[in-house]
Structure formats: C-alpha cells, structure tokens
PDB file of N, CA and C in Angstrom:
ATOM      1  N   MET A   1      -2.982   6.593 -25.200  1.00  0.00           N
ATOM      2  CA  MET A   1      -3.629   7.353 -23.997  1.00  0.00           C
ATOM      3  C   MET A   1      -4.711   6.447 -23.315  1.00  0.00           C
ATOM      4  N   PRO A   2      -5.344   6.987 -22.118  1.00  0.00           N
ATOM      5  CA  PRO A   2      -5.837   6.153 -21.128  1.00  0.00           C
ATOM      6  C   PRO A   2      -7.531   6.467 -21.898  1.00  0.00           C
ATOM      7  N   CYS A   3      -8.040   5.536 -21.843  1.00  0.00           N
ATOM      8  CA  CYS A   3      -9.669   5.319 -22.540  1.00  0.00           C
ATOM      9  C   CYS A   3     -10.702   6.142 -22.234  1.00  0.00           C
ATOM     10  N   GLY A   4     -10.620   6.540 -21.099  1.00  0.00           N
ATOM     11  CA  GLY A   4     -11.370   7.462 -20.970  1.00  0.00           C
ATOM     12  C   GLY A   4     -11.119   8.832 -20.941  1.00  0.00           C
ATOM     13  N   LYS A   5      -9.960   9.240 -21.290  1.00  0.00           N
ATOM     14  CA  LYS A   5      -9.565  10.769 -21.767  1.00  0.00           C
ATOM     15  C   LYS A   5      -9.647  10.495 -23.713  1.00  0.00           C
ATOM     16  N   CYS A   6      -9.192   9.223 -23.783  1.00  0.00           N
ATOM     17  CA  CYS A   6      -9.659   9.422 -25.594  1.00  0.00           C
ATOM     18  C   CYS A   6     -11.567   9.450 -25.285  1.00  0.00           C
ATOM     19  N   PHE A   7     -12.327   8.723 -24.605  1.00  0.00           N
ATOM     20  CA  PHE A   7     -13.671   9.234 -25.129  1.00  0.00           C
ATOM     21  C   PHE A   7     -13.715  10.564 -24.971  1.00  0.00           C
ATOM     22  N   ARG A   8     -13.354  11.512 -23.798  1.00  0.00           N
ATOM     23  CA  ARG A   8     -13.636  12.671 -23.343  1.00  0.00           C
ATOM     24  C   ARG A   8     -13.164  13.716 -24.806  1.00  0.00           C
ATOM     25  N   GLU A   9     -12.110  13.285 -25.145  1.00  0.00           N
ATOM     26  CA  GLU A   9     -11.441  13.902 -26.665  1.00  0.00           C
ATOM     27  C   GLU A   9     -12.541  14.225 -27.718  1.00  0.00           C
ATOM     28  N   ALA A  10     -12.984  12.355 -27.891  1.00  0.00           N
ATOM     29  CA  ALA A  10     -13.381  12.275 -28.977  1.00  0.00           C
ATOM     30  C   ALA A  10     -15.026  12.938 -28.827  1.00  0.00           C
ATOM     31  N   ILE A  11     -15.584  12.804 -27.468  1.00  0.00           N
ATOM     32  CA  ILE A  11     -17.083  13.750 -27.499  1.00  0.00           C
ATOM     33  C   ILE A  11     -17.094  15.271 -27.877  1.00  0.00           C
ATOM     34  N   GLU A  12     -15.703  15.474 -27.555  1.00  0.00           N
ATOM     35  CA  GLU A  12     -15.661  17.181 -27.883  1.00  0.00           C
ATOM     36  C   GLU A  12     -15.288  17.633 -28.601  1.00  0.00           C
ATOM     37  N   SER A  13     -14.295  16.387 -29.679  1.00  0.00           N
ATOM     38  CA  SER A  13     -14.485  16.922 -31.479  1.00  0.00           C
ATOM     39  C   SER A  13     -15.617  16.755 -31.854  1.00  0.00           C
ATOM     40  N   ARG A  14     -16.520  16.193 -31.204  1.00  0.00           N
ATOM     41  CA  ARG A  14     -17.904  15.830 -32.297  1.00  0.00           C
ATOM     42  C   ARG A  14     -17.701  14.501 -33.043  1.00  0.00           C
ATOM     43  N   GLY A  15     -16.788  13.633 -32.568  1.00  0.00           N
ATOM     44  CA  GLY A  15     -16.727  12.688 -33.027  1.00  0.00           C
ATOM     45  C   GLY A  15     -15.726  12.396 -34.409  1.00  0.00           C
ATOM     46  N   SER A  16     -15.607  11.559 -35.283  1.00  0.00           N
ATOM     47  CA  SER A  16     -15.155  11.355 -36.101  1.00  0.00           C
ATOM     48  C   SER A  16     -15.672  10.914 -37.452  1.00  0.00           C
ATOM     49  N   SER A  17     -15.779  12.345 -38.360  1.00  0.00           N
ATOM     50  CA  SER A  17     -16.452  12.291 -39.691  1.00  0.00           C
ATOM     51  C   SER A  17     -15.022  11.760 -41.154  1.00  0.00           C
ATOM     52  N   VAL A  18     -15.333  10.889 -40.899  1.00  0.00           N
ATOM     53  CA  VAL A  18     -14.409  10.080 -41.866  1.00  0.00           C
ATOM     54  C   VAL A  18     -14.860   9.489 -43.475  1.00  0.00           C
ATOM     55  N   SER A  19     -16.535   9.282 -43.639  1.00  0.00           N
ATOM     56  CA  SER A  19     -17.144   9.529 -44.521  1.00  0.00           C
ATOM     57  C   SER A  19     -18.368  10.399 -44.566  1.00  0.00           C
ATOM     58  N   ASN A  20     -19.513  10.360 -44.082  1.00  0.00           N
ATOM     59  CA  ASN A  20     -21.020  11.179 -44.213  1.00  0.00           C
ATOM     60  C   ASN A  20     -21.455  11.253 -42.654  1.00  0.00           C
ATOM     61  N   TYR A  21     -20.191  10.892 -41.500  1.00  0.00           N
ATOM     62  CA  TYR A  21     -20.725  11.443 -40.025  1.00  0.00           C
ATOM     63  C   TYR A  21     -21.223  12.685 -39.632  1.00  0.00           C
ATOM     64  N   VAL A  22     -21.768  13.326 -39.494  1.00  0.00           N
ATOM     65  CA  VAL A  22     -22.065  14.970 -38.759  1.00  0.00           C
ATOM     66  C   VAL A  22     -23.096  14.264 -37.230  1.00  0.00           C
ATOM     67  N   ASP A  23     -23.165  15.500 -36.251  1.00  0.00           N
ATOM     68  CA  ASP A  23     -23.895  15.236 -34.984  1.00  0.00           C
ATOM     69  C   ASP A  23     -24.935  16.117 -35.064  1.00  0.00           C
ATOM     70  N   ALA A  24     -26.056  15.388 -34.105  1.00  0.00           N
ATOM     71  CA  ALA A  24     -26.922  15.867 -33.716  1.00  0.00           C
ATOM     72  C   ALA A  24     -27.354  17.095 -34.589  1.00  0.00           C
ATOM     73  N   ASP A  25     -26.745  18.194 -34.424  1.00  0.00           N
ATOM     74  CA  ASP A  25     -26.445  19.229 -35.319  1.00  0.00           C
ATOM     75  C   ASP A  25     -26.352  19.734 -36.587  1.00  0.00           C
ATOM     76  N   GLY A  26     -26.014  18.752 -37.360  1.00  0.00           N
ATOM     77  CA  GLY A  26     -25.275  18.613 -38.458  1.00  0.00           C
ATOM     78  C   GLY A  26     -23.813  18.887 -38.900  1.00  0.00           C
ATOM     79  N   ARG A  27     -23.228  18.836 -37.715  1.00  0.00           N
ATOM     80  CA  ARG A  27     -22.017  19.578 -37.796  1.00  0.00           C
ATOM     81  C   ARG A  27     -20.980  18.175 -37.910  1.00  0.00           C
ATOM     82  N   LYS A  28     -19.922  18.607 -38.972  1.00  0.00           N
ATOM     83  CA  LYS A  28     -19.083  17.366 -38.969  1.00  0.00           C
ATOM     84  C   LYS A  28     -17.789  17.343 -37.432  1.00  0.00           C
ATOM     85  N   GLY A  29     -17.404  16.154 -37.149  1.00  0.00           N
ATOM     86  CA  GLY A  29     -16.846  16.188 -36.559  1.00  0.00           C
ATOM     87  C   GLY A  29     -15.203  16.203 -37.090  1.00  0.00           C
ATOM     88  N   SER A  30     -14.074  16.414 -35.462  1.00  0.00           N
ATOM     89  CA  SER A  30     -13.010  16.207 -36.234  1.00  0.00           C
ATOM     90  C   SER A  30     -11.707  15.637 -35.070  1.00  0.00           C
ATOM     91  N   PHE A  31     -12.012  14.585 -34.848  1.00  0.00           N
ATOM     92  CA  PHE A  31     -11.475  13.267 -33.788  1.00  0.00           C
ATOM     93  C   PHE A  31     -10.508  12.717 -34.929  1.00  0.00           C
ATOM     94  N   GLN A  32     -10.827  12.897 -35.885  1.00  0.00           N
ATOM     95  CA  GLN A  32     -10.297  11.477 -36.883  1.00  0.00           C
ATOM     96  C   GLN A  32      -9.116  12.365 -37.129  1.00  0.00           C
ATOM     97  N   LEU A  33      -8.624  13.453 -36.601  1.00  0.00           N
ATOM     98  CA  LEU A  33      -7.498  14.336 -37.299  1.00  0.00           C
ATOM     99  C   LEU A  33      -6.427  13.705 -36.323  1.00  0.00           C
ATOM    100  N   ALA A  34      -7.312  12.918 -34.781  1.00  0.00           N
ATOM    101  CA  ALA A  34      -6.066  12.513 -33.993  1.00  0.00           C
ATOM    102  C   ALA A  34      -5.919  11.044 -34.167  1.00  0.00           C
ATOM    103  N   HIS A  35      -6.337  10.237 -35.175  1.00  0.00           N
ATOM    104  CA  HIS A  35      -6.289   8.873 -35.264  1.00  0.00           C
ATOM    105  C   HIS A  35      -4.808   8.702 -35.693  1.00  0.00           C
ATOM    106  N   ARG A  36      -4.313   7.364 -35.235  1.00  0.00           N
ATOM    107  CA  ARG A  36      -3.311   7.045 -34.764  1.00  0.00           C
ATOM    108  C   ARG A  36      -3.001   6.106 -35.983  1.00  0.00           C
ATOM    109  N   VAL A  37      -3.565   5.194 -36.390  1.00  0.00           N
ATOM    110  CA  VAL A  37      -3.190   4.298 -37.473  1.00  0.00           C
ATOM    111  C   VAL A  37      -4.456   3.982 -38.761  1.00  0.00           C
ATOM    112  N   TYR A  38      -5.820   4.384 -37.840  1.00  0.00           N
ATOM    113  CA  TYR A  38      -6.892   4.374 -39.459  1.00  0.00           C
ATOM    114  C   TYR A  38      -6.634   5.525 -40.402  1.00  0.00           C
ATOM    115  N   ARG A  39      -7.666   4.335 -41.562  1.00  0.00           N
ATOM    116  CA  ARG A  39      -6.665   5.194 -42.735  1.00  0.00           C
ATOM    117  C   ARG A  39      -5.713   5.414 -42.839  1.00  0.00           C
ATOM    118  N   ARG A  40      -4.117   5.146 -42.434  1.00  0.00           N
ATOM    119  CA  ARG A  40      -3.199   5.895 -42.371  1.00  0.00           C
ATOM    120  C   ARG A  40      -2.339   4.315 -42.646  1.00  0.00           C
ATOM    121  N   THR A  41      -2.727   4.121 -43.814  1.00  0.00           N
ATOM    122  CA  THR A  41      -2.220   2.569 -44.758  1.00  0.00           C
ATOM    123  C   THR A  41      -0.890   2.990 -45.026  1.00  0.00           C
ATOM    124  N   GLY A  42       0.134   2.486 -44.851  1.00  0.00           N
ATOM    125  CA  GLY A  42       1.421   2.529 -45.455  1.00  0.00           C
ATOM    126  C   GLY A  42       2.057   3.731 -45.035  1.00  0.00           C
ATOM    127  N   GLU A  43       1.512   4.367 -43.920  1.00  0.00           N
ATOM    128  CA  GLU A  43       2.553   5.745 -43.745  1.00  0.00           C
ATOM    129  C   GLU A  43       2.745   5.121 -42.202  1.00  0.00           C
ATOM    130  N   ALA A  44       4.009   5.896 -41.688  1.00  0.00           N
ATOM    131  CA  ALA A  44       4.908   5.467 -40.794  1.00  0.00           C
ATOM    132  C   ALA A  44       4.131   5.606 -39.059  1.00  0.00           C
ATOM    133  N   CYS A  45       4.209   4.581 -38.358  1.00  0.00           N
ATOM    134  CA  CYS A  45       3.365   4.988 -37.269  1.00  0.00           C
ATOM    135  C   CYS A  45       4.143   5.870 -36.426  1.00  0.00           C
ATOM    136  N   VAL A  46       3.004   6.940 -35.792  1.00  0.00           N
ATOM    137  CA  VAL A  46       3.549   7.841 -35.016  1.00  0.00           C
ATOM    138  C   VAL A  46       4.563   7.785 -33.635  1.00  0.00           C
ATOM    139  N   LYS A  47       4.532   6.388 -33.333  1.00  0.00           N
ATOM    140  CA  LYS A  47       5.167   5.907 -31.944  1.00  0.00           C
ATOM    141  C   LYS A  47       6.837   5.409 -32.106  1.00  0.00           C
ATOM    142  N   CYS A  48       6.675   4.317 -33.171  1.00  0.00           N
ATOM    143  CA  CYS A  48       7.688   3.546 -33.957  1.00  0.00           C
ATOM    144  C   CYS A  48       8.557   3.944 -35.011  1.00  0.00           C
ATOM    145  N   GLY A  49       7.569   4.374 -36.318  1.00  0.00           N
ATOM    146  CA  GLY A  49       8.044   4.935 -37.307  1.00  0.00           C
ATOM    147  C   GLY A  49       7.720   3.306 -38.826  1.00  0.00           C
ATOM    148  N   ALA A  50       7.552   2.107 -38.053  1.00  0.00           N
ATOM    149  CA  ALA A  50       7.062   1.296 -38.647  1.00  0.00           C
ATOM    150  C   ALA A  50       5.606   1.441 -39.682  1.00  0.00           C
ATOM    151  N   LEU A  51       5.703   0.922 -40.676  1.00  0.00           N
ATOM    152  CA  LEU A  51       4.500   1.214 -41.839  1.00  0.00           C
ATOM    153  C   LEU A  51       3.294   0.743 -41.123  1.00  0.00           C
ATOM    154  N   ILE A  52       2.246   1.160 -41.087  1.00  0.00           N
ATOM    155  CA  ILE A  52       1.103   1.001 -40.292  1.00  0.00           C
ATOM    156  C   ILE A  52       0.469   0.286 -41.847  1.00  0.00           C
ATOM    157  N   LYS A  53      -0.125  -0.853 -41.526  1.00  0.00           N
ATOM    158  CA  LYS A  53      -0.733  -2.249 -41.951  1.00  0.00           C
ATOM    159  C   LYS A  53      -2.260  -1.856 -41.988  1.00  0.00           C
ATOM    160  N   ARG A  54      -2.902  -2.498 -43.146  1.00  0.00           N
ATOM    161  CA  ARG A  54      -4.374  -2.683 -43.301  1.00  0.00           C
ATOM    162  C   ARG A  54      -4.978  -4.377 -43.222  1.00  0.00           C
ATOM    163  N   THR A  55      -5.740  -5.181 -42.636  1.00  0.00           N
ATOM    164  CA  THR A  55      -6.377  -6.282 -42.881  1.00  0.00           C
ATOM    165  C   THR A  55      -7.764  -6.196 -42.964  1.00  0.00           C
ATOM    166  N   VAL A  56      -8.728  -7.454 -43.602  1.00  0.00           N
ATOM    167  CA  VAL A  56      -9.466  -7.465 -43.270  1.00  0.00           C
ATOM    168  C   VAL A  56     -10.319  -8.520 -42.216  1.00  0.00           C
ATOM    169  N   LEU A  57     -10.316  -8.097 -40.960  1.00  0.00           N
ATOM    170  CA  LEU A  57     -11.119  -9.660 -40.324  1.00  0.00           C
ATOM    171  C   LEU A  57     -12.576  -8.887 -40.023  1.00  0.00           C
ATOM    172  N   ALA A  58     -13.023 -10.499 -40.183  1.00  0.00           N
ATOM    173  CA  ALA A  58     -14.757 -10.517 -39.907  1.00  0.00           C
ATOM    174  C   ALA A  58     -15.304  -9.395 -40.958  1.00  0.00           C
ATOM    175  N   GLN A  59     -15.020  -9.166 -42.088  1.00  0.00           N
ATOM    176  CA  GLN A  59     -15.456  -8.388 -43.009  1.00  0.00           C
ATOM    177  C   GLN A  59     -15.452  -7.181 -42.838  1.00  0.00           C
ATOM    178  N   ARG A  60     -14.294  -6.592 -41.969  1.00  0.00           N
ATOM    179  CA  ARG A  60     -13.998  -5.584 -41.518  1.00  0.00           C
ATOM    180  C   ARG A  60     -12.679  -4.996 -41.525  1.00  0.00           C
ATOM    181  N   GLY A  61     -12.402  -3.893 -41.978  1.00  0.00           N
ATOM    182  CA  GLY A  61     -10.892  -3.337 -42.446  1.00  0.00           C
ATOM    183  C   GLY A  61     -10.517  -2.895 -41.406  1.00  0.00           C
ATOM    184  N   THR A  62      -9.366  -3.152 -40.823  1.00  0.00           N
ATOM    185  CA  THR A  62      -8.712  -3.149 -39.318  1.00  0.00           C
ATOM    186  C   THR A  62      -7.214  -2.420 -40.086  1.00  0.00           C
ATOM    187  N   HIS A  63      -6.743  -1.092 -39.254  1.00  0.00           N
ATOM    188  CA  HIS A  63      -5.494  -0.667 -39.382  1.00  0.00           C
ATOM    189  C   HIS A  63      -4.911  -0.994 -37.897  1.00  0.00           C
ATOM    190  N   PHE A  64      -3.402  -0.936 -38.442  1.00  0.00           N
ATOM    191  CA  PHE A  64      -2.801  -1.544 -37.243  1.00  0.00           C
ATOM    192  C   PHE A  64      -0.822  -1.471 -37.413  1.00  0.00           C
ATOM    193  N   CYS A  65      -0.460  -1.043 -36.446  1.00  0.00           N
ATOM    194  CA  CYS A  65       1.099  -1.098 -36.416  1.00  0.00           C
ATOM    195  C   CYS A  65       1.827  -2.777 -36.053  1.00  0.00           C
ATOM    196  N   ALA A  66       2.380  -3.181 -36.615  1.00  0.00           N
ATOM    197  CA  ALA A  66       2.696  -4.584 -36.637  1.00  0.00           C
ATOM    198  C   ALA A  66       3.922  -4.863 -35.568  1.00  0.00           C
ATOM    199  N   LYS A  67       4.527  -3.519 -35.405  1.00  0.00           N
ATOM    200  CA  LYS A  67       5.322  -3.585 -34.113  1.00  0.00           C
ATOM    201  C   LYS A  67       5.257  -3.311 -32.715  1.00  0.00           C
ATOM    202  N   CYS A  68       4.169  -2.275 -32.959  1.00  0.00           N
ATOM    203  CA  CYS A  68       3.516  -1.891 -31.574  1.00  0.00           C
ATOM    204  C   CYS A  68       2.399  -2.495 -30.969  1.00  0.00           C
ATOM    205  N   GLN A  69       1.639  -3.438 -32.056  1.00  0.00           N
ATOM    206  CA  GLN A  69       0.806  -4.017 -31.933  1.00  0.00           C
ATOM    207  C   GLN A  69       1.031  -5.490 -32.121  1.00  0.00           C
ATOM    208  N   LYS A  70       1.643  -6.162 -31.481  1.00  0.00           N
ATOM    209  CA  LYS A  70       2.171  -7.863 -31.652  1.00  0.00           C
ATOM    210  C   LYS A  70       0.461  -8.765 -31.427  1.00  0.00           C
TER     211      LYS A  70
END
C-alpha cells in the first residue's frame, strides 16, 4: 500500500489500539485490524502464505515475512 494511503487510513481509523492507546477523545482506534504482520507471529503471510516471524532488533520486537521482506 502506498505510504500516503496507509497514513490516511491509519488516521481515519483513529490509530492502532494494540494495548492501551486511545485517541484524544478517549476512543480506541481500529487500524490494528489492517496490520499484515504485527502481532501475527506464526500466522500465514497474507501475500505469500509463508509464516510470519518475530525477532528483536535494538531491544524492540519486530514482525516480518522472511519470504516477502528479504
């Protein structure tokens, strides 16, 4: 998805509420429903079907498809 389109969709969805995030009005966002890899470790990639993996880089967890993201 083109970067600008992704940002617009994230803003329109009020962000991603994956833990305790709420917007300025106290509402949870819904953009986490569009995540393709985040918190989907062990699930199939929506593009190629390979398993989503998770690793830690610079003390931060990151999720990725090893086939699509070489």
